[in-house]
């Protein structure tokens, strides 16, 4: 093997190694940022079931409406005494910051009720837009909501009896990509900064 050929082979190997190192460094840095913001990103995107729900404005909803933008989904209910209004307030702060950075034309925020018996369209219309006019509340039958919640790792159950019952529920934000696939969740404890950082990382081209 001539010196020129040896040099060419060595150069090609070095370029391959350097490219692999750069790619690995980017990947680990990417995942480290997500981990630091309490994000669990799945190795493969997860498909969602076909469900039929109703938006707080009375319009029908299907999972096709998740497509074309990134989506942050919060499960909660309007009679929630503590965690839900706090989460919604964090969503408002995060959305405002993301809007200032020019991201919200690629993004939707949703609240799916875990209390459809009380959270009618009218009830959600009083509650969800209070936190931001661009947020959308979803309600529907218990079966349809249960299907979507199960697919997005949300667990909930009724506690107590009578009109004053509460609904215990998990406290994750689900993230759906523009293909309508479930790709990550943000785990508690929540802060608006975590939502902003996570979405900025995930939305990178």
N, C-alpha and C. Protein backbone atom coordinates (compact mmCIF):
# COMPACT_ATOMS: atom_id res chain seq x y z
N UNK A 1 0.86 -1.20 0.00
CA UNK A 1 0.00 0.00 0.00
C UNK A 1 0.88 1.24 0.00
N UNK A 2 0.64 2.14 -0.95
CA UNK A 2 1.46 3.33 -1.04
C UNK A 2 1.14 4.28 0.09
N UNK A 3 2.07 5.23 0.28
CA UNK A 3 1.85 6.22 1.34
C UNK A 3 0.57 7.02 1.11
N UNK A 4 0.31 7.34 -0.19
CA UNK A 4 -0.89 8.13 -0.50
C UNK A 4 -2.16 7.35 -0.15
N UNK A 5 -2.18 6.08 -0.48
CA UNK A 5 -3.34 5.25 -0.18
C UNK A 5 -3.50 5.10 1.33
N UNK A 6 -2.36 4.88 2.02
CA UNK A 6 -2.42 4.77 3.48
C UNK A 6 -2.98 6.04 4.10
N UNK A 7 -2.53 7.17 3.60
CA UNK A 7 -3.01 8.45 4.13
C UNK A 7 -4.51 8.61 3.91
N UNK A 8 -4.96 8.21 2.70
CA UNK A 8 -6.39 8.33 2.37
C UNK A 8 -7.23 7.45 3.29
N UNK A 9 -6.76 6.23 3.54
CA UNK A 9 -7.48 5.31 4.40
C UNK A 9 -7.55 5.84 5.83
N UNK A 10 -6.39 6.31 6.33
CA UNK A 10 -6.33 6.84 7.69
C UNK A 10 -7.23 8.07 7.83
N UNK A 11 -7.20 8.93 6.84
CA UNK A 11 -8.03 10.14 6.87
C UNK A 11 -9.51 9.78 6.90
N UNK A 12 -9.87 8.78 6.09
CA UNK A 12 -11.28 8.37 6.06
C UNK A 12 -11.72 7.81 7.40
N UNK A 13 -10.86 7.02 8.03
CA UNK A 13 -11.17 6.45 9.34
C UNK A 13 -11.32 7.55 10.38
N UNK A 14 -10.40 8.52 10.35
CA UNK A 14 -10.46 9.62 11.31
C UNK A 14 -11.74 10.43 11.14
N UNK A 15 -12.11 10.69 9.89
CA UNK A 15 -13.35 11.45 9.64
C UNK A 15 -14.55 10.71 10.18
N UNK A 16 -14.56 9.39 9.97
CA UNK A 16 -15.67 8.57 10.47
C UNK A 16 -15.74 8.62 11.99
N UNK A 17 -14.58 8.48 12.64
CA UNK A 17 -14.53 8.50 14.10
C UNK A 17 -14.97 9.85 14.64
N UNK A 18 -14.48 10.94 14.03
CA UNK A 18 -14.84 12.28 14.48
C UNK A 18 -16.33 12.52 14.31
N UNK A 19 -16.88 12.11 13.15
CA UNK A 19 -18.32 12.28 12.90
C UNK A 19 -19.14 11.52 13.92
N UNK A 20 -18.70 10.28 14.22
CA UNK A 20 -19.42 9.47 15.21
C UNK A 20 -19.36 10.12 16.58
N UNK A 21 -18.20 10.67 16.94
CA UNK A 21 -18.03 11.31 18.24
C UNK A 21 -18.92 12.54 18.36
N UNK A 22 -18.95 13.35 17.27
CA UNK A 22 -19.79 14.55 17.29
C UNK A 22 -21.25 14.16 17.42
N UNK A 23 -21.67 13.13 16.67
CA UNK A 23 -23.05 12.68 16.76
C UNK A 23 -23.38 12.16 18.14
N UNK A 24 -22.46 11.40 18.74
CA UNK A 24 -22.69 10.87 20.08
C UNK A 24 -22.75 11.99 21.11
N UNK A 25 -21.87 12.96 20.97
CA UNK A 25 -21.86 14.08 21.91
C UNK A 25 -23.16 14.86 21.82
N UNK A 26 -23.63 15.06 20.58
CA UNK A 26 -24.89 15.79 20.42
C UNK A 26 -26.03 15.00 21.04
N UNK A 27 -26.03 13.68 20.80
CA UNK A 27 -27.11 12.84 21.32
C UNK A 27 -27.12 12.86 22.84
N UNK A 28 -25.95 12.67 23.46
CA UNK A 28 -25.93 12.62 24.92
C UNK A 28 -26.26 13.99 25.51
N UNK A 29 -25.81 15.07 24.84
CA UNK A 29 -26.15 16.40 25.31
C UNK A 29 -27.64 16.66 25.20
N UNK A 30 -28.23 16.21 24.10
CA UNK A 30 -29.67 16.34 23.86
C UNK A 30 -30.44 15.64 24.97
N UNK A 31 -30.09 14.39 25.23
CA UNK A 31 -30.80 13.63 26.26
C UNK A 31 -30.52 14.16 27.66
N UNK A 32 -29.35 14.69 27.88
CA UNK A 32 -29.04 15.23 29.19
C UNK A 32 -29.91 16.45 29.48
N UNK A 33 -30.11 17.29 28.47
CA UNK A 33 -30.99 18.45 28.67
C UNK A 33 -32.41 18.01 29.01
N UNK A 34 -32.88 16.97 28.33
CA UNK A 34 -34.22 16.48 28.62
C UNK A 34 -34.30 15.90 30.03
N UNK A 35 -33.32 15.11 30.40
CA UNK A 35 -33.32 14.51 31.73
C UNK A 35 -33.28 15.58 32.81
N UNK A 36 -32.49 16.62 32.60
CA UNK A 36 -32.38 17.70 33.58
C UNK A 36 -33.71 18.43 33.77
N UNK A 37 -34.59 18.31 32.79
CA UNK A 37 -35.90 18.98 32.88
C UNK A 37 -37.03 17.98 33.10
N UNK A 38 -36.69 16.83 33.68
CA UNK A 38 -37.66 15.81 34.11
C UNK A 38 -38.40 15.18 32.94
N UNK A 39 -37.76 15.11 31.77
CA UNK A 39 -38.41 14.56 30.59
C UNK A 39 -37.97 13.12 30.36
N UNK A 40 -38.95 12.27 30.13
CA UNK A 40 -38.69 10.90 29.69
C UNK A 40 -39.04 10.82 28.21
N UNK A 41 -38.02 10.65 27.37
CA UNK A 41 -38.25 10.52 25.92
C UNK A 41 -38.22 9.05 25.56
N UNK A 42 -39.19 8.60 24.79
CA UNK A 42 -39.29 7.19 24.46
C UNK A 42 -38.34 6.83 23.32
N UNK A 43 -37.79 5.61 23.34
CA UNK A 43 -36.90 5.19 22.25
C UNK A 43 -37.58 5.23 20.89
N UNK A 44 -38.88 4.91 20.86
CA UNK A 44 -39.65 4.95 19.61
C UNK A 44 -40.97 5.67 19.87
N UNK A 45 -41.42 6.49 18.92
CA UNK A 45 -42.71 7.16 19.08
C UNK A 45 -43.85 6.15 19.23
N UNK A 46 -44.87 6.53 19.98
CA UNK A 46 -46.01 5.65 20.24
C UNK A 46 -47.26 6.18 19.54
N UNK A 47 -47.98 5.28 18.90
CA UNK A 47 -49.21 5.64 18.22
C UNK A 47 -50.34 5.86 19.23
N UNK A 48 -51.31 6.67 18.85
CA UNK A 48 -52.44 6.96 19.73
C UNK A 48 -53.71 6.30 19.19
N UNK A 49 -54.64 5.96 20.08
CA UNK A 49 -55.90 5.37 19.63
C UNK A 49 -56.79 6.44 19.00
N UNK A 50 -57.67 6.01 18.12
CA UNK A 50 -58.67 6.91 17.55
C UNK A 50 -59.74 7.18 18.62
N UNK A 51 -59.88 8.41 19.00
CA UNK A 51 -60.91 8.77 19.98
C UNK A 51 -61.72 9.94 19.45
N UNK A 52 -62.96 10.03 19.91
CA UNK A 52 -63.83 11.15 19.55
C UNK A 52 -64.20 11.90 20.81
N UNK A 53 -63.71 13.14 20.92
CA UNK A 53 -63.98 13.97 22.09
C UNK A 53 -64.63 15.27 21.62
N UNK A 54 -64.86 16.16 22.56
CA UNK A 54 -65.45 17.46 22.22
C UNK A 54 -64.61 18.57 22.83
N UNK A 55 -64.33 19.58 22.03
CA UNK A 55 -63.57 20.73 22.50
C UNK A 55 -64.46 21.63 23.35
N UNK A 56 -63.81 22.51 24.13
CA UNK A 56 -64.62 23.38 25.00
C UNK A 56 -65.44 24.38 24.21
N UNK A 57 -65.10 24.57 22.93
CA UNK A 57 -65.90 25.47 22.10
C UNK A 57 -67.04 24.74 21.40
N UNK A 58 -67.24 23.45 21.75
CA UNK A 58 -68.34 22.68 21.18
C UNK A 58 -68.00 21.96 19.90
N UNK A 59 -66.81 22.20 19.35
CA UNK A 59 -66.41 21.54 18.11
C UNK A 59 -65.92 20.12 18.39
N UNK A 60 -66.15 19.19 17.45
CA UNK A 60 -65.67 17.82 17.65
C UNK A 60 -64.15 17.75 17.58
N UNK A 61 -63.59 16.76 18.26
CA UNK A 61 -62.14 16.57 18.28
C UNK A 61 -61.81 15.13 17.90
N UNK A 62 -60.79 14.97 17.08
CA UNK A 62 -60.18 13.66 16.82
C UNK A 62 -58.68 13.84 16.90
N UNK A 63 -57.95 12.73 16.98
CA UNK A 63 -56.49 12.85 17.15
C UNK A 63 -55.81 13.45 15.92
N UNK A 64 -56.53 13.57 14.81
CA UNK A 64 -55.98 14.26 13.65
C UNK A 64 -55.61 15.70 14.00
N UNK A 65 -56.29 16.27 14.99
CA UNK A 65 -56.01 17.65 15.38
C UNK A 65 -54.68 17.79 16.12
N UNK A 66 -54.09 16.68 16.51
CA UNK A 66 -52.75 16.74 17.09
C UNK A 66 -51.68 16.90 16.01
N UNK A 67 -52.03 16.59 14.77
CA UNK A 67 -51.03 16.55 13.70
C UNK A 67 -50.74 17.95 13.16
N UNK A 68 -49.49 18.14 12.75
CA UNK A 68 -49.07 19.41 12.17
C UNK A 68 -48.38 20.34 13.13
N UNK A 69 -48.52 20.07 14.45
CA UNK A 69 -47.87 20.89 15.46
C UNK A 69 -47.40 20.01 16.61
N UNK A 70 -46.53 20.55 17.44
CA UNK A 70 -46.21 19.91 18.71
C UNK A 70 -47.34 20.18 19.69
N UNK A 71 -47.55 19.25 20.61
CA UNK A 71 -48.67 19.34 21.54
C UNK A 71 -48.24 19.00 22.95
N UNK A 72 -48.68 19.81 23.90
CA UNK A 72 -48.50 19.52 25.32
C UNK A 72 -49.87 19.23 25.91
N UNK A 73 -50.03 18.07 26.54
CA UNK A 73 -51.34 17.66 27.06
C UNK A 73 -51.26 17.49 28.56
N UNK A 74 -52.20 18.14 29.24
CA UNK A 74 -52.33 18.05 30.69
C UNK A 74 -53.67 17.39 31.01
N UNK A 75 -53.66 16.38 31.89
CA UNK A 75 -54.91 15.78 32.36
C UNK A 75 -55.25 16.39 33.72
N UNK A 76 -56.50 16.85 33.86
CA UNK A 76 -56.91 17.46 35.11
C UNK A 76 -58.42 17.65 35.11
N UNK A 77 -58.90 18.48 36.03
CA UNK A 77 -60.34 18.76 36.06
C UNK A 77 -60.59 20.09 36.75
N UNK A 78 -61.70 20.70 36.42
CA UNK A 78 -61.94 22.07 36.85
C UNK A 78 -62.24 22.21 38.33
N UNK A 79 -62.70 21.14 38.97
CA UNK A 79 -63.00 21.18 40.41
C UNK A 79 -61.78 20.80 41.26
N UNK A 80 -60.65 20.59 40.61
CA UNK A 80 -59.41 20.21 41.32
C UNK A 80 -59.01 21.34 42.27
N UNK A 81 -58.75 21.03 43.54
CA UNK A 81 -58.49 22.09 44.51
C UNK A 81 -57.06 22.62 44.53
N UNK A 82 -56.12 21.90 43.93
CA UNK A 82 -54.74 22.33 44.12
C UNK A 82 -53.85 22.16 42.90
N UNK A 83 -53.55 20.93 42.52
CA UNK A 83 -52.50 20.68 41.54
C UNK A 83 -52.87 21.18 40.14
N UNK A 84 -54.15 21.07 39.76
CA UNK A 84 -54.55 21.44 38.40
C UNK A 84 -54.40 22.94 38.12
N UNK A 85 -54.90 23.82 38.98
CA UNK A 85 -54.69 25.24 38.69
C UNK A 85 -53.22 25.64 38.70
N UNK A 86 -52.43 24.95 39.53
CA UNK A 86 -50.99 25.24 39.55
C UNK A 86 -50.35 24.82 38.23
N UNK A 87 -50.70 23.63 37.74
CA UNK A 87 -50.17 23.16 36.46
C UNK A 87 -50.60 24.06 35.30
N UNK A 88 -51.85 24.47 35.33
CA UNK A 88 -52.34 25.33 34.25
C UNK A 88 -51.66 26.70 34.28
N UNK A 89 -51.38 27.19 35.48
CA UNK A 89 -50.66 28.47 35.60
C UNK A 89 -49.24 28.33 35.07
N UNK A 90 -48.59 27.18 35.34
CA UNK A 90 -47.26 26.93 34.79
C UNK A 90 -47.30 26.85 33.27
N UNK A 91 -48.35 26.23 32.74
CA UNK A 91 -48.51 26.16 31.29
C UNK A 91 -48.64 27.56 30.70
N UNK A 92 -49.38 28.43 31.38
CA UNK A 92 -49.54 29.80 30.89
C UNK A 92 -48.20 30.53 30.85
N UNK A 93 -47.42 30.40 31.92
CA UNK A 93 -46.11 31.04 31.95
C UNK A 93 -45.20 30.50 30.85
N UNK A 94 -45.23 29.17 30.68
CA UNK A 94 -44.39 28.55 29.66
C UNK A 94 -44.82 28.98 28.26
N UNK A 95 -46.12 29.02 28.03
CA UNK A 95 -46.63 29.39 26.71
C UNK A 95 -46.27 30.84 26.38
N UNK A 96 -46.35 31.70 27.37
CA UNK A 96 -46.00 33.11 27.16
C UNK A 96 -44.53 33.24 26.77
N UNK A 97 -43.66 32.51 27.47
CA UNK A 97 -42.23 32.57 27.14
C UNK A 97 -41.95 31.98 25.77
N UNK A 98 -42.62 30.87 25.45
CA UNK A 98 -42.43 30.25 24.14
C UNK A 98 -42.95 31.15 23.02
N UNK A 99 -44.02 31.89 23.31
CA UNK A 99 -44.55 32.83 22.32
C UNK A 99 -43.54 33.95 22.04
N UNK A 100 -42.92 34.44 23.10
CA UNK A 100 -41.92 35.51 22.93
C UNK A 100 -40.72 35.02 22.13
N UNK A 101 -40.44 33.71 22.20
CA UNK A 101 -39.32 33.13 21.46
C UNK A 101 -39.73 32.68 20.07
N UNK A 102 -41.02 32.85 19.73
CA UNK A 102 -41.47 32.52 18.38
C UNK A 102 -41.80 31.07 18.13
N UNK A 103 -42.13 30.32 19.19
CA UNK A 103 -42.39 28.89 19.03
C UNK A 103 -43.88 28.54 18.94
N UNK A 104 -44.77 29.41 19.36
CA UNK A 104 -46.16 28.99 19.54
C UNK A 104 -46.93 28.82 18.23
N UNK A 105 -46.36 29.24 17.10
CA UNK A 105 -47.03 28.94 15.84
C UNK A 105 -46.83 27.47 15.46
N UNK A 106 -46.03 26.76 16.24
CA UNK A 106 -45.79 25.33 16.01
C UNK A 106 -46.30 24.48 17.17
N UNK A 107 -47.16 25.05 18.01
CA UNK A 107 -47.43 24.41 19.30
C UNK A 107 -48.87 24.60 19.75
N UNK A 108 -49.47 23.55 20.32
CA UNK A 108 -50.78 23.62 20.95
C UNK A 108 -50.69 23.10 22.38
N UNK A 109 -51.45 23.73 23.28
CA UNK A 109 -51.57 23.26 24.67
C UNK A 109 -53.01 22.81 24.92
N UNK A 110 -53.15 21.65 25.57
CA UNK A 110 -54.47 21.07 25.79
C UNK A 110 -54.64 20.67 27.26
N UNK A 111 -55.91 20.72 27.71
CA UNK A 111 -56.27 20.11 28.99
C UNK A 111 -57.38 19.10 28.73
N UNK A 112 -57.14 17.84 29.08
CA UNK A 112 -58.15 16.79 28.94
C UNK A 112 -58.73 16.52 30.33
N UNK A 113 -60.04 16.61 30.46
CA UNK A 113 -60.64 16.41 31.77
C UNK A 113 -60.63 14.94 32.17
N UNK A 114 -60.46 14.70 33.47
CA UNK A 114 -60.61 13.35 34.03
C UNK A 114 -61.91 13.27 34.83
N UNK A 115 -62.76 14.29 34.64
CA UNK A 115 -64.04 14.37 35.37
C UNK A 115 -65.15 14.77 34.39
N UNK A 116 -65.41 13.93 33.38
CA UNK A 116 -66.37 14.33 32.36
C UNK A 116 -67.79 14.51 32.87
N UNK A 117 -68.12 13.89 34.00
CA UNK A 117 -69.48 14.05 34.54
C UNK A 117 -69.77 15.50 34.90
N UNK A 118 -68.78 16.22 35.40
CA UNK A 118 -68.98 17.61 35.78
C UNK A 118 -68.39 18.59 34.78
N UNK A 119 -67.33 18.15 34.10
CA UNK A 119 -66.65 19.06 33.16
C UNK A 119 -67.30 18.99 31.77
N UNK A 120 -68.42 19.67 31.66
CA UNK A 120 -69.09 19.82 30.38
C UNK A 120 -68.30 20.80 29.51
N UNK A 121 -68.73 20.93 28.27
CA UNK A 121 -68.09 21.92 27.39
C UNK A 121 -68.19 23.32 28.01
N UNK A 122 -69.35 23.63 28.55
CA UNK A 122 -69.57 24.96 29.13
C UNK A 122 -68.66 25.20 30.34
N UNK A 123 -68.50 24.16 31.17
CA UNK A 123 -67.64 24.29 32.34
C UNK A 123 -66.19 24.49 31.92
N UNK A 124 -65.75 23.72 30.95
CA UNK A 124 -64.38 23.86 30.46
C UNK A 124 -64.18 25.22 29.79
N UNK A 125 -65.20 25.72 29.13
CA UNK A 125 -65.09 27.02 28.46
C UNK A 125 -64.91 28.16 29.46
N UNK A 126 -65.40 27.98 30.68
CA UNK A 126 -65.19 28.98 31.72
C UNK A 126 -63.81 28.87 32.34
N UNK A 127 -63.24 27.67 32.31
CA UNK A 127 -62.02 27.39 33.05
C UNK A 127 -60.75 27.48 32.19
N UNK A 128 -60.72 26.74 31.10
CA UNK A 128 -59.47 26.62 30.34
C UNK A 128 -59.01 27.94 29.73
N UNK A 129 -59.86 28.69 29.02
CA UNK A 129 -59.38 29.95 28.43
C UNK A 129 -59.01 31.00 29.47
N UNK A 130 -59.43 30.82 30.72
CA UNK A 130 -59.03 31.74 31.78
C UNK A 130 -57.51 31.76 31.91
N UNK A 131 -56.89 30.60 31.70
CA UNK A 131 -55.43 30.53 31.81
C UNK A 131 -54.75 31.04 30.54
N UNK A 132 -55.34 30.75 29.38
CA UNK A 132 -54.86 31.35 28.13
C UNK A 132 -55.90 31.12 27.05
N UNK A 133 -56.14 32.15 26.26
CA UNK A 133 -57.16 32.06 25.22
C UNK A 133 -56.84 31.01 24.16
N UNK A 134 -55.57 30.66 24.01
CA UNK A 134 -55.17 29.66 23.00
C UNK A 134 -55.27 28.22 23.50
N UNK A 135 -55.46 28.03 24.80
CA UNK A 135 -55.54 26.66 25.33
C UNK A 135 -56.90 26.05 24.98
N UNK A 136 -56.90 24.74 24.78
CA UNK A 136 -58.14 24.04 24.43
C UNK A 136 -58.42 22.95 25.45
N UNK A 137 -59.66 22.93 25.95
CA UNK A 137 -60.11 21.88 26.87
C UNK A 137 -60.86 20.81 26.11
N UNK A 138 -60.71 19.56 26.54
CA UNK A 138 -61.39 18.43 25.89
C UNK A 138 -62.19 17.64 26.91
N UNK A 139 -63.39 17.26 26.52
CA UNK A 139 -64.23 16.39 27.33
C UNK A 139 -64.86 15.34 26.42
N UNK A 140 -65.64 14.45 27.00
CA UNK A 140 -66.26 13.40 26.21
C UNK A 140 -66.74 12.28 27.11
N UNK A 141 -66.97 11.12 26.53
CA UNK A 141 -67.43 9.99 27.33
C UNK A 141 -66.29 9.45 28.18
N UNK A 142 -66.65 8.79 29.27
CA UNK A 142 -65.64 8.21 30.15
C UNK A 142 -64.77 7.21 29.41
N UNK A 143 -65.37 6.41 28.52
CA UNK A 143 -64.61 5.40 27.79
C UNK A 143 -63.58 6.03 26.86
N UNK A 144 -63.99 7.07 26.14
CA UNK A 144 -63.07 7.70 25.20
C UNK A 144 -61.91 8.38 25.93
N UNK A 145 -62.22 9.07 27.03
CA UNK A 145 -61.18 9.72 27.81
C UNK A 145 -60.24 8.68 28.41
N UNK A 146 -60.80 7.59 28.88
CA UNK A 146 -59.98 6.53 29.47
C UNK A 146 -59.01 5.94 28.45
N UNK A 147 -59.46 5.78 27.21
CA UNK A 147 -58.57 5.26 26.16
C UNK A 147 -57.39 6.19 25.92
N UNK A 148 -57.68 7.48 25.79
CA UNK A 148 -56.61 8.44 25.55
C UNK A 148 -55.69 8.53 26.75
N UNK A 149 -56.26 8.57 27.95
CA UNK A 149 -55.44 8.65 29.16
C UNK A 149 -54.51 7.46 29.29
N UNK A 150 -55.02 6.27 29.02
CA UNK A 150 -54.20 5.06 29.11
C UNK A 150 -53.04 5.12 28.12
N UNK A 151 -53.31 5.59 26.91
CA UNK A 151 -52.26 5.69 25.89
C UNK A 151 -51.20 6.71 26.26
N UNK A 152 -51.59 7.73 27.06
CA UNK A 152 -50.66 8.80 27.43
C UNK A 152 -50.18 8.67 28.88
N UNK A 153 -50.30 7.46 29.43
CA UNK A 153 -49.76 7.15 30.76
C UNK A 153 -50.37 8.01 31.86
N UNK A 154 -51.63 8.36 31.72
CA UNK A 154 -52.34 9.12 32.76
C UNK A 154 -53.27 8.17 33.51
N UNK A 155 -53.16 8.18 34.83
CA UNK A 155 -53.99 7.32 35.68
C UNK A 155 -54.87 8.21 36.55
N UNK A 156 -56.13 7.83 36.71
CA UNK A 156 -57.02 8.63 37.57
C UNK A 156 -58.14 7.75 38.12
N UNK A 157 -58.69 8.17 39.25
CA UNK A 157 -59.82 7.46 39.85
C UNK A 157 -60.55 8.40 40.81
N UNK A 158 -61.84 8.12 40.99
CA UNK A 158 -62.68 8.96 41.85
C UNK A 158 -62.46 8.60 43.32
N UNK A 159 -62.39 9.63 44.15
CA UNK A 159 -62.30 9.46 45.60
C UNK A 159 -63.49 10.15 46.25
N UNK A 160 -64.12 9.46 47.18
CA UNK A 160 -65.26 10.05 47.88
C UNK A 160 -66.57 9.79 47.16
N UNK A 161 -67.64 10.27 47.76
CA UNK A 161 -68.98 10.08 47.22
C UNK A 161 -69.74 11.40 47.24
N UNK A 162 -70.86 11.41 46.54
CA UNK A 162 -71.68 12.61 46.52
C UNK A 162 -71.12 13.68 45.61
N UNK A 163 -71.72 14.86 45.67
CA UNK A 163 -71.34 15.95 44.77
C UNK A 163 -69.92 16.47 45.03
N UNK A 164 -69.40 16.25 46.22
CA UNK A 164 -68.09 16.79 46.55
C UNK A 164 -66.93 15.84 46.31
N UNK A 165 -67.14 14.82 45.49
CA UNK A 165 -66.05 13.86 45.23
C UNK A 165 -64.86 14.56 44.57
N UNK A 166 -63.70 13.97 44.71
CA UNK A 166 -62.49 14.45 44.03
C UNK A 166 -62.00 13.36 43.08
N UNK A 167 -61.08 13.72 42.22
CA UNK A 167 -60.51 12.77 41.28
C UNK A 167 -59.00 12.77 41.46
N UNK A 168 -58.47 11.67 41.98
CA UNK A 168 -57.02 11.53 42.09
C UNK A 168 -56.47 11.22 40.70
N UNK A 169 -55.37 11.87 40.33
CA UNK A 169 -54.83 11.63 38.99
C UNK A 169 -53.32 11.85 38.97
N UNK A 170 -52.69 11.20 38.02
CA UNK A 170 -51.24 11.35 37.86
C UNK A 170 -50.93 12.76 37.37
N UNK A 171 -49.67 13.12 37.49
CA UNK A 171 -49.27 14.52 37.27
C UNK A 171 -48.16 14.62 36.23
N UNK A 172 -48.42 14.11 35.04
CA UNK A 172 -47.46 14.22 33.95
C UNK A 172 -48.03 15.11 32.85
N UNK A 173 -47.13 15.77 32.11
CA UNK A 173 -47.52 16.39 30.85
C UNK A 173 -47.09 15.45 29.73
N UNK A 174 -47.98 15.15 28.81
CA UNK A 174 -47.63 14.32 27.65
C UNK A 174 -47.25 15.23 26.49
N UNK A 175 -46.28 14.79 25.69
CA UNK A 175 -45.84 15.56 24.53
C UNK A 175 -46.05 14.72 23.28
N UNK A 176 -46.74 15.30 22.31
CA UNK A 176 -47.05 14.64 21.04
C UNK A 176 -46.41 15.43 19.91
N UNK A 177 -45.76 14.72 19.00
CA UNK A 177 -45.05 15.39 17.91
C UNK A 177 -46.01 15.74 16.76
N UNK A 178 -45.53 16.48 15.74
CA UNK A 178 -46.41 16.89 14.64
C UNK A 178 -46.95 15.74 13.80
N UNK A 179 -46.40 14.54 13.97
CA UNK A 179 -46.94 13.37 13.27
C UNK A 179 -48.09 12.75 14.05
N UNK A 180 -48.42 13.33 15.21
CA UNK A 180 -49.49 12.79 16.04
C UNK A 180 -49.05 11.61 16.87
N UNK A 181 -47.75 11.51 17.16
CA UNK A 181 -47.20 10.39 17.92
C UNK A 181 -46.78 10.86 19.32
N UNK A 182 -46.99 10.00 20.27
CA UNK A 182 -46.60 10.27 21.67
C UNK A 182 -45.11 9.99 21.81
N UNK A 183 -44.33 11.02 22.12
CA UNK A 183 -42.88 10.88 22.10
C UNK A 183 -42.20 11.07 23.45
N UNK A 184 -42.87 11.74 24.40
CA UNK A 184 -42.20 12.03 25.67
C UNK A 184 -43.23 12.46 26.71
N UNK A 185 -42.81 12.41 27.96
CA UNK A 185 -43.62 12.98 29.03
C UNK A 185 -42.73 13.75 29.99
N UNK A 186 -43.30 14.77 30.59
CA UNK A 186 -42.60 15.58 31.59
C UNK A 186 -43.13 15.17 32.96
N UNK A 187 -42.23 14.72 33.82
CA UNK A 187 -42.63 14.23 35.14
C UNK A 187 -42.51 15.33 36.19
N UNK A 188 -43.27 15.23 37.26
CA UNK A 188 -43.15 16.22 38.34
C UNK A 188 -41.85 16.02 39.11
N UNK A 189 -41.42 17.04 39.88
CA UNK A 189 -42.10 18.31 40.12
C UNK A 189 -42.01 19.24 38.92
N UNK A 190 -43.09 19.99 38.69
CA UNK A 190 -43.18 20.83 37.50
C UNK A 190 -42.81 22.27 37.80
N UNK A 191 -42.16 22.86 36.79
CA UNK A 191 -41.92 24.30 36.77
C UNK A 191 -42.06 24.75 35.34
N UNK A 192 -42.48 25.98 35.14
CA UNK A 192 -42.66 26.48 33.78
C UNK A 192 -41.37 26.38 32.97
N UNK A 193 -40.23 26.59 33.65
CA UNK A 193 -38.95 26.54 32.95
C UNK A 193 -38.68 25.15 32.37
N UNK A 194 -39.16 24.10 33.04
CA UNK A 194 -38.96 22.75 32.53
C UNK A 194 -39.72 22.55 31.22
N UNK A 195 -40.94 23.05 31.17
CA UNK A 195 -41.75 22.93 29.95
C UNK A 195 -41.06 23.65 28.80
N UNK A 196 -40.63 24.87 29.06
CA UNK A 196 -39.98 25.68 28.02
C UNK A 196 -38.72 24.99 27.51
N UNK A 197 -37.85 24.57 28.42
CA UNK A 197 -36.59 23.94 28.01
C UNK A 197 -36.84 22.65 27.25
N UNK A 198 -37.76 21.83 27.74
CA UNK A 198 -38.03 20.55 27.10
C UNK A 198 -38.55 20.73 25.68
N UNK A 199 -39.50 21.63 25.52
CA UNK A 199 -40.08 21.82 24.19
C UNK A 199 -39.08 22.45 23.23
N UNK A 200 -38.27 23.36 23.69
CA UNK A 200 -37.26 23.95 22.82
C UNK A 200 -36.28 22.88 22.32
N UNK A 201 -35.92 21.95 23.19
CA UNK A 201 -35.02 20.87 22.76
C UNK A 201 -35.71 19.95 21.78
N UNK A 202 -36.91 19.51 22.10
CA UNK A 202 -37.62 18.55 21.25
C UNK A 202 -38.00 19.15 19.90
N UNK A 203 -38.26 20.45 19.87
CA UNK A 203 -38.71 21.09 18.63
C UNK A 203 -37.57 21.50 17.73
N UNK A 204 -36.34 21.22 18.12
CA UNK A 204 -35.20 21.54 17.26
C UNK A 204 -35.32 20.75 15.96
N UNK A 205 -35.04 21.39 14.82
CA UNK A 205 -35.11 20.68 13.52
C UNK A 205 -34.04 19.61 13.42
